[in-house]
């Protein structure tokens, strides 16, 4: 049995992942979203599609520290452990503040808020959903966020740095942390993603259940489950801490 929490699980990539993982025998899926109507609709849709009725939701704006902590408390009060945490919640940022709070800081803080539950699992897994591998491989790591393009590149590179930071930080435990590019999936994130037809993330289930992925940490997987090679000089835990500390430790 796997207990799985998916932030942003009420729509887009997060919901597509939830549909895939709900087919795991004995799985329980907890969706985290901000809109109750969307959460209710997603819950019923996944239940009807998969026949898995252990689908529920929690409502929270994860950029709000109190709401984030409340999600962790409700989960701890109702569950013994958390086996998988998938950070899929995110926005295409209109401001620097939104980028930092929604696309970066909330991932770090929710991970730490849920560490007691994750630590009770024998092989807990954390995945941070990110974007195009080529942009992450080739894009310059910059702190500039004046334009939409700069904020988009900041999002991709800094999420990747966060994976490196958390993977090293949690290395003494049995908790693994990896990045995942889920492929091009229909979502409301941007105008062009609204036109996409694909609503499936078929690699999600193998990443959770296949022995070949167990124990791997600090990696970046593409939509086929292949490891995306990143520059160790560019993306490493030491650099991640140097660059991210001002955003995380506020």
C-alpha atoms as a PDB file:
ATOM      1  CA  UNK A   1       0.000   0.000   0.000  1.00  0.00           C
ATOM      2  CA  UNK A   2       1.248   3.474  -0.917  1.00  0.00           C
ATOM      3  CA  UNK A   3       0.038   6.721   0.609  1.00  0.00           C
ATOM      4  CA  UNK A   4       0.693   9.476  -1.895  1.00  0.00           C
ATOM      5  CA  UNK A   5       0.247  13.240  -1.645  1.00  0.00           C
ATOM      6  CA  UNK A   6       0.194  15.310  -4.834  1.00  0.00           C
ATOM      7  CA  UNK A   7       0.201  19.081  -4.608  1.00  0.00           C
ATOM      8  CA  UNK A   8      -1.469  20.701  -7.581  1.00  0.00           C
ATOM      9  CA  UNK A   9      -3.239  17.376  -7.991  1.00  0.00           C
ATOM     10  CA  UNK A  10      -6.633  18.860  -8.839  1.00  0.00           C
ATOM     11  CA  UNK A  11      -5.708  19.846 -12.401  1.00  0.00           C
ATOM     12  CA  UNK A  12      -3.132  19.635 -15.179  1.00  0.00           C
ATOM     13  CA  UNK A  13       0.026  17.594 -14.666  1.00  0.00           C
ATOM     14  CA  UNK A  14      -0.767  16.844 -11.024  1.00  0.00           C
ATOM     15  CA  UNK A  15      -4.162  15.368 -11.876  1.00  0.00           C
ATOM     16  CA  UNK A  16      -2.668  13.357 -14.742  1.00  0.00           C
ATOM     17  CA  UNK A  17      -0.121  11.887 -12.323  1.00  0.00           C
ATOM     18  CA  UNK A  18      -2.857  11.163  -9.783  1.00  0.00           C
ATOM     19  CA  UNK A  19      -4.858   9.212 -12.386  1.00  0.00           C
ATOM     20  CA  UNK A  20      -1.830   7.090 -13.165  1.00  0.00           C
ATOM     21  CA  UNK A  21      -0.880   6.406  -9.543  1.00  0.00           C
ATOM     22  CA  UNK A  22      -4.440   5.644  -8.451  1.00  0.00           C
ATOM     23  CA  UNK A  23      -4.122   2.369 -10.377  1.00  0.00           C
ATOM     24  CA  UNK A  24      -1.461   1.103  -7.941  1.00  0.00           C
ATOM     25  CA  UNK A  25      -3.020  -1.652  -5.840  1.00  0.00           C
ATOM     26  CA  UNK A  26      -3.888  -0.371  -2.385  1.00  0.00           C
ATOM     27  CA  UNK A  27      -2.837   3.186  -3.130  1.00  0.00           C
ATOM     28  CA  UNK A  28      -4.347   6.153  -1.330  1.00  0.00           C
ATOM     29  CA  UNK A  29      -4.098   9.507  -3.079  1.00  0.00           C
ATOM     30  CA  UNK A  30      -4.392  12.870  -1.314  1.00  0.00           C
ATOM     31  CA  UNK A  31      -4.773  15.796  -3.707  1.00  0.00           C
ATOM     32  CA  UNK A  32      -3.813  19.273  -2.528  1.00  0.00           C
ATOM     33  CA  UNK A  33      -5.403  22.229  -4.286  1.00  0.00           C
ATOM     34  CA  UNK A  34      -6.768  25.715  -3.716  1.00  0.00           C
ATOM     35  CA  UNK A  35     -10.203  25.508  -5.341  1.00  0.00           C
ATOM     36  CA  UNK A  36     -12.775  23.271  -3.650  1.00  0.00           C
ATOM     37  CA  UNK A  37     -14.963  22.859  -6.738  1.00  0.00           C
ATOM     38  CA  UNK A  38     -11.985  21.704  -8.816  1.00  0.00           C
ATOM     39  CA  UNK A  39     -10.842  19.438  -5.977  1.00  0.00           C
ATOM     40  CA  UNK A  40     -14.247  17.790  -5.691  1.00  0.00           C
ATOM     41  CA  UNK A  41     -14.468  17.314  -9.457  1.00  0.00           C
ATOM     42  CA  UNK A  42     -10.952  15.841  -9.688  1.00  0.00           C
ATOM     43  CA  UNK A  43     -11.605  13.456  -6.788  1.00  0.00           C
ATOM     44  CA  UNK A  44     -14.785  12.077  -8.349  1.00  0.00           C
ATOM     45  CA  UNK A  45     -13.209  11.907 -11.812  1.00  0.00           C
ATOM     46  CA  UNK A  46     -10.258   9.840 -10.587  1.00  0.00           C
ATOM     47  CA  UNK A  47     -12.464   7.586  -8.477  1.00  0.00           C
ATOM     48  CA  UNK A  48     -14.781   6.892 -11.413  1.00  0.00           C
ATOM     49  CA  UNK A  49     -11.939   6.402 -13.872  1.00  0.00           C
ATOM     50  CA  UNK A  50      -9.830   4.045 -11.758  1.00  0.00           C
ATOM     51  CA  UNK A  51     -12.308   2.443  -9.364  1.00  0.00           C
ATOM     52  CA  UNK A  52     -10.060   3.544  -6.509  1.00  0.00           C
ATOM     53  CA  UNK A  53     -12.216   5.242  -3.893  1.00  0.00           C
ATOM     54  CA  UNK A  54      -9.338   6.115  -1.593  1.00  0.00           C
ATOM     55  CA  UNK A  55      -8.974   9.500  -3.252  1.00  0.00           C
ATOM     56  CA  UNK A  56      -9.376  12.603  -1.107  1.00  0.00           C
ATOM     57  CA  UNK A  57      -8.298  16.216  -1.068  1.00  0.00           C
ATOM     58  CA  UNK A  58      -6.990  18.960   1.183  1.00  0.00           C
ATOM     59  CA  UNK A  59      -7.466  22.641   0.440  1.00  0.00           C
ATOM     60  CA  UNK A  60      -4.614  25.102   0.878  1.00  0.00           C
ATOM     61  CA  UNK A  61      -2.750  27.981  -0.696  1.00  0.00           C
ATOM     62  CA  UNK A  62       0.734  26.601  -0.148  1.00  0.00           C
ATOM     63  CA  UNK A  63       2.309  30.041  -0.427  1.00  0.00           C
ATOM     64  CA  UNK A  64       0.598  30.766   2.898  1.00  0.00           C
ATOM     65  CA  UNK A  65       2.762  29.424   5.734  1.00  0.00           C
ATOM     66  CA  UNK A  66      -0.170  28.801   8.083  1.00  0.00           C
ATOM     67  CA  UNK A  67      -2.169  26.970   5.422  1.00  0.00           C
ATOM     68  CA  UNK A  68       0.873  24.855   4.546  1.00  0.00           C
ATOM     69  CA  UNK A  69       1.442  23.872   8.162  1.00  0.00           C
ATOM     70  CA  UNK A  70      -2.269  23.066   8.499  1.00  0.00           C
ATOM     71  CA  UNK A  71      -2.033  20.603   5.594  1.00  0.00           C
ATOM     72  CA  UNK A  72       0.812  18.809   7.361  1.00  0.00           C
ATOM     73  CA  UNK A  73      -1.084  18.766  10.663  1.00  0.00           C
ATOM     74  CA  UNK A  74      -4.275  17.383   9.131  1.00  0.00           C
ATOM     75  CA  UNK A  75      -2.278  14.691   7.383  1.00  0.00           C
ATOM     76  CA  UNK A  76      -0.369  13.761  10.549  1.00  0.00           C
ATOM     77  CA  UNK A  77      -3.626  13.576  12.513  1.00  0.00           C
ATOM     78  CA  UNK A  78      -5.198  11.173  10.020  1.00  0.00           C
ATOM     79  CA  UNK A  79      -2.322   9.064   8.668  1.00  0.00           C
ATOM     80  CA  UNK A  80       0.523   6.998  10.043  1.00  0.00           C
ATOM     81  CA  UNK A  81       3.018   7.673   7.270  1.00  0.00           C
ATOM     82  CA  UNK A  82       3.572   9.243   3.858  1.00  0.00           C
ATOM     83  CA  UNK A  83       5.267   7.162   1.177  1.00  0.00           C
ATOM     84  CA  UNK A  84       5.328   9.559  -1.756  1.00  0.00           C
ATOM     85  CA  UNK A  85       5.214  13.357  -1.948  1.00  0.00           C
ATOM     86  CA  UNK A  86       4.883  14.921  -5.398  1.00  0.00           C
ATOM     87  CA  UNK A  87       5.331  18.671  -5.713  1.00  0.00           C
ATOM     88  CA  UNK A  88       3.321  19.515  -8.819  1.00  0.00           C
ATOM     89  CA  UNK A  89       1.743  22.760  -7.610  1.00  0.00           C
ATOM     90  CA  UNK A  90       3.047  25.791  -9.428  1.00  0.00           C
ATOM     91  CA  UNK A  91       2.255  28.830 -11.541  1.00  0.00           C
ATOM     92  CA  UNK A  92       3.813  30.589 -14.481  1.00  0.00           C
ATOM     93  CA  UNK A  93       4.937  33.537 -12.350  1.00  0.00           C
ATOM     94  CA  UNK A  94       3.802  37.071 -12.994  1.00  0.00           C
ATOM     95  CA  UNK A  95       5.997  38.478 -10.218  1.00  0.00           C
ATOM     96  CA  UNK A  96       9.278  37.637  -8.501  1.00  0.00           C
ATOM     97  CA  UNK A  97       7.475  37.243  -5.173  1.00  0.00           C
ATOM     98  CA  UNK A  98       5.008  34.745  -6.628  1.00  0.00           C
ATOM     99  CA  UNK A  99       7.840  32.759  -8.197  1.00  0.00           C
ATOM    100  CA  UNK A 100       9.742  32.481  -4.940  1.00  0.00           C
ATOM    101  CA  UNK A 101       6.778  31.700  -2.707  1.00  0.00           C
ATOM    102  CA  UNK A 102       4.799  29.331  -4.935  1.00  0.00           C
ATOM    103  CA  UNK A 103       7.406  27.650  -7.133  1.00  0.00           C
ATOM    104  CA  UNK A 104      10.284  27.280  -4.692  1.00  0.00           C
ATOM    105  CA  UNK A 105       9.766  28.058  -1.022  1.00  0.00           C
ATOM    106  CA  UNK A 106       6.513  26.103  -0.652  1.00  0.00           C
ATOM    107  CA  UNK A 107       8.229  22.917  -1.911  1.00  0.00           C
ATOM    108  CA  UNK A 108      10.977  23.178   0.680  1.00  0.00           C
ATOM    109  CA  UNK A 109       8.673  24.104   3.554  1.00  0.00           C
ATOM    110  CA  UNK A 110       6.036  21.452   2.857  1.00  0.00           C
ATOM    111  CA  UNK A 111       8.741  18.808   2.563  1.00  0.00           C
ATOM    112  CA  UNK A 112      10.044  19.747   5.993  1.00  0.00           C
ATOM    113  CA  UNK A 113       6.564  19.978   7.495  1.00  0.00           C
ATOM    114  CA  UNK A 114       5.891  16.413   6.320  1.00  0.00           C
ATOM    115  CA  UNK A 115       9.271  14.938   7.289  1.00  0.00           C
ATOM    116  CA  UNK A 116       7.900  13.150  10.376  1.00  0.00           C
ATOM    117  CA  UNK A 117       5.384  11.288   8.187  1.00  0.00           C
ATOM    118  CA  UNK A 118       7.895  10.659   5.388  1.00  0.00           C
ATOM    119  CA  UNK A 119      10.427   9.322   7.886  1.00  0.00           C
ATOM    120  CA  UNK A 120       8.012   6.601   8.956  1.00  0.00           C
ATOM    121  CA  UNK A 121       8.029   5.115   5.442  1.00  0.00           C
ATOM    122  CA  UNK A 122      10.726   2.547   4.654  1.00  0.00           C
ATOM    123  CA  UNK A 123      11.473   4.039   1.234  1.00  0.00           C
ATOM    124  CA  UNK A 124       9.839   7.455   0.988  1.00  0.00           C
ATOM    125  CA  UNK A 125      10.097   9.255  -2.334  1.00  0.00           C
ATOM    126  CA  UNK A 126       9.825  12.948  -3.163  1.00  0.00           C
ATOM    127  CA  UNK A 127       9.457  14.251  -6.710  1.00  0.00           C
ATOM    128  CA  UNK A 128       9.556  17.869  -7.825  1.00  0.00           C
ATOM    129  CA  UNK A 129       7.828  18.371 -11.170  1.00  0.00           C
ATOM    130  CA  UNK A 130       9.780  20.626 -13.486  1.00  0.00           C
ATOM    131  CA  UNK A 131      10.065  21.640 -17.134  1.00  0.00           C
ATOM    132  CA  UNK A 132      11.934  21.061 -20.364  1.00  0.00           C
ATOM    133  CA  UNK A 133      15.287  19.299 -19.822  1.00  0.00           C
ATOM    134  CA  UNK A 134      17.040  21.294 -22.579  1.00  0.00           C
ATOM    135  CA  UNK A 135      16.206  24.587 -20.891  1.00  0.00           C
ATOM    136  CA  UNK A 136      17.523  23.281 -17.589  1.00  0.00           C
ATOM    137  CA  UNK A 137      20.681  21.891 -19.176  1.00  0.00           C
ATOM    138  CA  UNK A 138      21.460  24.967 -21.274  1.00  0.00           C
ATOM    139  CA  UNK A 139      19.844  27.833 -19.379  1.00  0.00           C
ATOM    140  CA  UNK A 140      22.006  30.232 -17.392  1.00  0.00           C
ATOM    141  CA  UNK A 141      21.439  30.297 -13.645  1.00  0.00           C
ATOM    142  CA  UNK A 142      20.629  33.929 -12.993  1.00  0.00           C
ATOM    143  CA  UNK A 143      18.953  35.810 -10.161  1.00  0.00           C
ATOM    144  CA  UNK A 144      17.334  38.288 -12.561  1.00  0.00           C
ATOM    145  CA  UNK A 145      13.534  38.114 -12.657  1.00  0.00           C
ATOM    146  CA  UNK A 146      12.568  41.331 -14.408  1.00  0.00           C
ATOM    147  CA  UNK A 147      10.910  39.708 -17.434  1.00  0.00           C
ATOM    148  CA  UNK A 148       8.545  36.757 -17.889  1.00  0.00           C
ATOM    149  CA  UNK A 149      11.273  34.831 -19.708  1.00  0.00           C
ATOM    150  CA  UNK A 150      13.755  35.443 -16.890  1.00  0.00           C
ATOM    151  CA  UNK A 151      11.232  34.300 -14.288  1.00  0.00           C
ATOM    152  CA  UNK A 152      10.530  31.150 -16.291  1.00  0.00           C
ATOM    153  CA  UNK A 153      14.214  30.267 -16.515  1.00  0.00           C
ATOM    154  CA  UNK A 154      14.720  31.127 -12.837  1.00  0.00           C
ATOM    155  CA  UNK A 155      11.897  28.722 -11.970  1.00  0.00           C
ATOM    156  CA  UNK A 156      13.434  25.810 -13.897  1.00  0.00           C
ATOM    157  CA  UNK A 157      17.021  26.263 -12.753  1.00  0.00           C
ATOM    158  CA  UNK A 158      16.199  26.960  -9.125  1.00  0.00           C
ATOM    159  CA  UNK A 159      13.826  24.004  -8.805  1.00  0.00           C
ATOM    160  CA  UNK A 160      16.678  21.832 -10.063  1.00  0.00           C
ATOM    161  CA  UNK A 161      19.016  23.337  -7.492  1.00  0.00           C
ATOM    162  CA  UNK A 162      16.405  22.645  -4.804  1.00  0.00           C
ATOM    163  CA  UNK A 163      16.385  18.965  -5.749  1.00  0.00           C
ATOM    164  CA  UNK A 164      20.172  18.861  -5.237  1.00  0.00           C
ATOM    165  CA  UNK A 165      19.890  20.631  -1.884  1.00  0.00           C
ATOM    166  CA  UNK A 166      17.120  18.405  -0.532  1.00  0.00           C
ATOM    167  CA  UNK A 167      18.738  15.216  -1.842  1.00  0.00           C
ATOM    168  CA  UNK A 168      21.923  15.948   0.082  1.00  0.00           C
ATOM    169  CA  UNK A 169      20.065  17.209   3.152  1.00  0.00           C
ATOM    170  CA  UNK A 170      17.972  14.030   3.360  1.00  0.00           C
ATOM    171  CA  UNK A 171      20.741  11.662   2.275  1.00  0.00           C
ATOM    172  CA  UNK A 172      21.243  10.330   5.834  1.00  0.00           C
ATOM    173  CA  UNK A 173      17.635   9.133   5.762  1.00  0.00           C
ATOM    174  CA  UNK A 174      15.853   6.657   3.493  1.00  0.00           C
ATOM    175  CA  UNK A 175      14.046   9.523   1.738  1.00  0.00           C
ATOM    176  CA  UNK A 176      14.959  10.128  -1.899  1.00  0.00           C
ATOM    177  CA  UNK A 177      14.429  13.396  -3.796  1.00  0.00           C
ATOM    178  CA  UNK A 178      14.322  13.622  -7.592  1.00  0.00           C
ATOM    179  CA  UNK A 179      13.102  15.911 -10.353  1.00  0.00           C
ATOM    180  CA  UNK A 180      10.663  14.808 -13.041  1.00  0.00           C
ATOM    181  CA  UNK A 181       9.786  16.286 -16.413  1.00  0.00           C
ATOM    182  CA  UNK A 182       6.337  14.796 -16.962  1.00  0.00           C
ATOM    183  CA  UNK A 183       6.227  15.640 -20.662  1.00  0.00           C
ATOM    184  CA  UNK A 184       3.900  18.053 -22.428  1.00  0.00           C
ATOM    185  CA  UNK A 185       0.558  17.650 -20.664  1.00  0.00           C
ATOM    186  CA  UNK A 186      -2.673  19.598 -21.063  1.00  0.00           C
ATOM    187  CA  UNK A 187      -2.990  22.220 -18.310  1.00  0.00           C
ATOM    188  CA  UNK A 188      -4.030  25.798 -17.630  1.00  0.00           C
ATOM    189  CA  UNK A 189      -0.453  26.847 -16.894  1.00  0.00           C
ATOM    190  CA  UNK A 190       0.075  28.695 -20.184  1.00  0.00           C
ATOM    191  CA  UNK A 191      -1.973  29.347 -23.355  1.00  0.00           C
ATOM    192  CA  UNK A 192      -0.085  26.741 -25.382  1.00  0.00           C
ATOM    193  CA  UNK A 193      -0.479  24.023 -22.736  1.00  0.00           C
ATOM    194  CA  UNK A 194      -4.247  24.555 -22.825  1.00  0.00           C
ATOM    195  CA  UNK A 195      -4.262  23.331 -26.432  1.00  0.00           C
ATOM    196  CA  UNK A 196      -2.449  20.052 -25.738  1.00  0.00           C
ATOM    197  CA  UNK A 197      -4.295  16.733 -25.981  1.00  0.00           C
ATOM    198  CA  UNK A 198      -2.112  14.547 -23.781  1.00  0.00           C
ATOM    199  CA  UNK A 199      -3.441  13.990 -20.262  1.00  0.00           C
ATOM    200  CA  UNK A 200      -1.332  10.982 -19.318  1.00  0.00           C
ATOM    201  CA  UNK A 201       1.895  10.659 -17.329  1.00  0.00           C
ATOM    202  CA  UNK A 202       2.537   6.948 -17.764  1.00  0.00           C
ATOM    203  CA  UNK A 203       6.033   7.021 -16.226  1.00  0.00           C
ATOM    204  CA  UNK A 204       4.639   7.980 -12.801  1.00  0.00           C
ATOM    205  CA  UNK A 205       3.674   4.450 -11.740  1.00  0.00           C
ATOM    206  CA  UNK A 206       7.009   2.807 -12.700  1.00  0.00           C
ATOM    207  CA  UNK A 207       8.938   5.524 -10.855  1.00  0.00           C
ATOM    208  CA  UNK A 208       7.027   4.632  -7.698  1.00  0.00           C
ATOM    209  CA  UNK A 209       6.834   0.858  -8.018  1.00  0.00           C
ATOM    210  CA  UNK A 210       9.800  -0.363 -10.086  1.00  0.00           C
ATOM    211  CA  UNK A 211      12.876  -1.610  -8.219  1.00  0.00           C
ATOM    212  CA  UNK A 212      15.212   0.064 -10.713  1.00  0.00           C
ATOM    213  CA  UNK A 213      14.321   3.512  -9.350  1.00  0.00           C
ATOM    214  CA  UNK A 214      14.453   2.688  -5.649  1.00  0.00           C
ATOM    215  CA  UNK A 215      17.306   4.369  -3.790  1.00  0.00           C
ATOM    216  CA  UNK A 216      18.153   6.814  -6.578  1.00  0.00           C
ATOM    217  CA  UNK A 217      18.321  10.414  -5.363  1.00  0.00           C
ATOM    218  CA  UNK A 218      19.327  13.800  -6.709  1.00  0.00           C
ATOM    219  CA  UNK A 219      18.450  12.709 -10.255  1.00  0.00           C
ATOM    220  CA  UNK A 220      16.408  14.290 -13.041  1.00  0.00           C
ATOM    221  CA  UNK A 221      14.073  11.908 -14.898  1.00  0.00           C
ATOM    222  CA  UNK A 222      12.389  12.643 -18.208  1.00  0.00           C
ATOM    223  CA  UNK A 223       8.933  11.470 -19.294  1.00  0.00           C
ATOM    224  CA  UNK A 224      10.380   8.095 -20.328  1.00  0.00           C
ATOM    225  CA  UNK A 225      12.112   7.443 -17.011  1.00  0.00           C
ATOM    226  CA  UNK A 226      15.567   8.148 -18.413  1.00  0.00           C
ATOM    227  CA  UNK A 227      18.093  10.103 -16.360  1.00  0.00           C
ATOM    228  CA  UNK A 228      18.759  13.548 -17.807  1.00  0.00           C
ATOM    229  CA  UNK A 229      22.466  14.343 -17.541  1.00  0.00           C
ATOM    230  CA  UNK A 230      23.184  17.621 -15.783  1.00  0.00           C
ATOM    231  CA  UNK A 231      26.458  19.451 -15.247  1.00  0.00           C
ATOM    232  CA  UNK A 232      27.764  18.676 -11.753  1.00  0.00           C
ATOM    233  CA  UNK A 233      29.572  22.014 -11.776  1.00  0.00           C
ATOM    234  CA  UNK A 234      26.368  23.876 -12.540  1.00  0.00           C
ATOM    235  CA  UNK A 235      23.956  21.879 -10.387  1.00  0.00           C
ATOM    236  CA  UNK A 236      25.320  20.722  -7.038  1.00  0.00           C
ATOM    237  CA  UNK A 237      24.270  20.926  -3.397  1.00  0.00           C
ATOM    238  CA  UNK A 238      26.933  23.444  -2.403  1.00  0.00           C
ATOM    239  CA  UNK A 239      25.921  25.908  -5.095  1.00  0.00           C
ATOM    240  CA  UNK A 240      22.266  25.243  -4.355  1.00  0.00           C
ATOM    241  CA  UNK A 241      22.659  26.268  -0.729  1.00  0.00           C
ATOM    242  CA  UNK A 242      24.598  29.382  -1.681  1.00  0.00           C
ATOM    243  CA  UNK A 243      21.982  30.567  -4.158  1.00  0.00           C
ATOM    244  CA  UNK A 244      18.781  29.393  -2.500  1.00  0.00           C
ATOM    245  CA  UNK A 245      19.461  30.310   1.131  1.00  0.00           C
ATOM    246  CA  UNK A 246      18.189  33.864   0.712  1.00  0.00           C
ATOM    247  CA  UNK A 247      14.858  32.547  -0.578  1.00  0.00           C
ATOM    248  CA  UNK A 248      14.427  29.596   1.776  1.00  0.00           C
ATOM    249  CA  UNK A 249      15.769  31.003   5.040  1.00  0.00           C
ATOM    250  CA  UNK A 250      13.698  34.144   5.241  1.00  0.00           C
END
